[in-house]
Amino acid sequence: MPISQEHIIAGRSYRTAANELREVSAIEQDEVVYHSLFPGAAGLMVRTHAKRVALIRFAAEAQTEVERPLHGAGRAPA
């Protein structure tokens, strides 16, 4: 089920029906700036160049918000 536009937030990640993982870096006017992420060699995540798409299209393609397990890893606890 698509995610409503109001729930698309910079800094969060979303998975599409095609299993693409997208990390939102910014929302500018009615466009989403995001990077696609996919597993690479040695367990590292590969990040594509920034892409832009209309917010309404991004929301329609996003099926679920996901928490990236390694997101923020290596930071000292607060």
C-alpha atoms as a PDB file:
ATOM      1  CA  MET A   1       0.000   0.000   0.000  1.00  0.00           C
ATOM      2  CA  PRO A   2       1.458   3.398  -0.944  1.00  0.00           C
ATOM      3  CA  ILE A   3       2.582   5.803   1.779  1.00  0.00           C
ATOM      4  CA  SER A   4       0.864   9.180   2.064  1.00  0.00           C
ATOM      5  CA  GLN A   5       2.903  12.198   0.983  1.00  0.00           C
ATOM      6  CA  GLU A   6       2.791  13.628   4.516  1.00  0.00           C
ATOM      7  CA  HIS A   7       4.723  10.606   5.814  1.00  0.00           C
ATOM      8  CA  ILE A   8       7.679  10.970   3.422  1.00  0.00           C
ATOM      9  CA  ILE A   9      10.440  12.511   5.558  1.00  0.00           C
ATOM     10  CA  ALA A  10      14.077  13.396   4.838  1.00  0.00           C
ATOM     11  CA  GLY A  11      16.524  11.058   6.551  1.00  0.00           C
ATOM     12  CA  ARG A  12      14.211   8.046   6.352  1.00  0.00           C
ATOM     13  CA  SER A  13      14.280   5.043   4.033  1.00  0.00           C
ATOM     14  CA  TYR A  14      11.467   3.454   2.037  1.00  0.00           C
ATOM     15  CA  ARG A  15      11.117   0.244   0.044  1.00  0.00           C
ATOM     16  CA  THR A  16       9.237   0.091  -3.266  1.00  0.00           C
ATOM     17  CA  ALA A  17       7.130  -2.768  -4.644  1.00  0.00           C
ATOM     18  CA  ALA A  18      10.140  -3.612  -6.862  1.00  0.00           C
ATOM     19  CA  ASN A  19      12.190  -4.051  -3.633  1.00  0.00           C
ATOM     20  CA  GLU A  20      14.275  -0.915  -4.267  1.00  0.00           C
ATOM     21  CA  LEU A  21      15.536   0.728  -1.077  1.00  0.00           C
ATOM     22  CA  ARG A  22      15.391   4.532  -1.294  1.00  0.00           C
ATOM     23  CA  GLU A  23      16.897   6.918   1.263  1.00  0.00           C
ATOM     24  CA  VAL A  24      15.389  10.408   1.223  1.00  0.00           C
ATOM     25  CA  SER A  25      17.994  13.146   1.596  1.00  0.00           C
ATOM     26  CA  ALA A  26      15.721  16.164   1.030  1.00  0.00           C
ATOM     27  CA  ILE A  27      12.274  17.315   0.060  1.00  0.00           C
ATOM     28  CA  GLU A  28      12.398  20.493  -2.011  1.00  0.00           C
ATOM     29  CA  GLN A  29       9.077  22.057  -2.958  1.00  0.00           C
ATOM     30  CA  ASP A  30       7.161  19.130  -4.471  1.00  0.00           C
ATOM     31  CA  GLU A  31      10.194  16.974  -5.301  1.00  0.00           C
ATOM     32  CA  VAL A  32      11.988  14.268  -3.349  1.00  0.00           C
ATOM     33  CA  VAL A  33      15.771  13.971  -3.574  1.00  0.00           C
ATOM     34  CA  TYR A  34      16.794  10.385  -2.823  1.00  0.00           C
ATOM     35  CA  HIS A  35      19.519   7.783  -3.257  1.00  0.00           C
ATOM     36  CA  SER A  36      18.923   4.136  -4.130  1.00  0.00           C
ATOM     37  CA  LEU A  37      20.797   1.709  -1.893  1.00  0.00           C
ATOM     38  CA  PHE A  38      21.735  -1.889  -2.586  1.00  0.00           C
ATOM     39  CA  PRO A  39      24.113  -4.471  -1.112  1.00  0.00           C
ATOM     40  CA  GLY A  40      27.621  -4.508  -2.523  1.00  0.00           C
ATOM     41  CA  ALA A  41      30.796  -6.479  -1.902  1.00  0.00           C
ATOM     42  CA  ALA A  42      31.987  -7.272   1.619  1.00  0.00           C
ATOM     43  CA  GLY A  43      28.593  -6.445   3.107  1.00  0.00           C
ATOM     44  CA  LEU A  44      28.832  -2.755   2.243  1.00  0.00           C
ATOM     45  CA  MET A  45      25.871  -0.736   0.984  1.00  0.00           C
ATOM     46  CA  VAL A  46      26.284   0.944  -2.409  1.00  0.00           C
ATOM     47  CA  ARG A  47      24.557   4.296  -2.828  1.00  0.00           C
ATOM     48  CA  THR A  48      23.624   5.764  -6.218  1.00  0.00           C
ATOM     49  CA  HIS A  49      23.898   9.402  -7.228  1.00  0.00           C
ATOM     50  CA  ALA A  50      21.041  11.638  -6.101  1.00  0.00           C
ATOM     51  CA  LYS A  51      17.825  11.287  -8.057  1.00  0.00           C
ATOM     52  CA  ARG A  52      14.814  13.624  -8.134  1.00  0.00           C
ATOM     53  CA  VAL A  53      11.202  12.633  -8.519  1.00  0.00           C
ATOM     54  CA  ALA A  54       7.861  14.306  -7.843  1.00  0.00           C
ATOM     55  CA  LEU A  55       6.690  13.809  -4.249  1.00  0.00           C
ATOM     56  CA  ILE A  56       3.379  12.375  -5.426  1.00  0.00           C
ATOM     57  CA  ARG A  57       5.181   9.742  -7.537  1.00  0.00           C
ATOM     58  CA  PHE A  58       7.651   8.863  -4.761  1.00  0.00           C
ATOM     59  CA  ALA A  59       4.773   8.388  -2.309  1.00  0.00           C
ATOM     60  CA  ALA A  60       2.863   6.215  -4.797  1.00  0.00           C
ATOM     61  CA  GLU A  61       5.907   3.977  -5.353  1.00  0.00           C
ATOM     62  CA  ALA A  62       6.929   3.707  -1.672  1.00  0.00           C
ATOM     63  CA  GLN A  63       5.277   0.687  -0.068  1.00  0.00           C
ATOM     64  CA  THR A  64       6.780   0.722   3.410  1.00  0.00           C
ATOM     65  CA  GLU A  65       9.147   2.716   5.590  1.00  0.00           C
ATOM     66  CA  VAL A  66      12.148   0.662   6.657  1.00  0.00           C
ATOM     67  CA  GLU A  67      14.712   1.107   9.364  1.00  0.00           C
ATOM     68  CA  ARG A  68      18.167   0.499   8.006  1.00  0.00           C
ATOM     69  CA  PRO A  69      19.939  -1.762  10.525  1.00  0.00           C
ATOM     70  CA  LEU A  70      23.371  -0.164  10.030  1.00  0.00           C
ATOM     71  CA  HIS A  71      22.070   3.393   9.764  1.00  0.00           C
ATOM     72  CA  GLY A  72      23.893   5.364  12.437  1.00  0.00           C
ATOM     73  CA  ALA A  73      26.140   2.439  13.378  1.00  0.00           C
ATOM     74  CA  GLY A  74      29.445   3.486  14.835  1.00  0.00           C
ATOM     75  CA  ARG A  75      28.092   6.525  16.603  1.00  0.00           C
ATOM     76  CA  ALA A  76      28.695   6.813  20.301  1.00  0.00           C
ATOM     77  CA  PRO A  77      25.576   6.368  22.432  1.00  0.00           C
ATOM     78  CA  ALA A  78      24.085   9.580  23.784  1.00  0.00           C
END
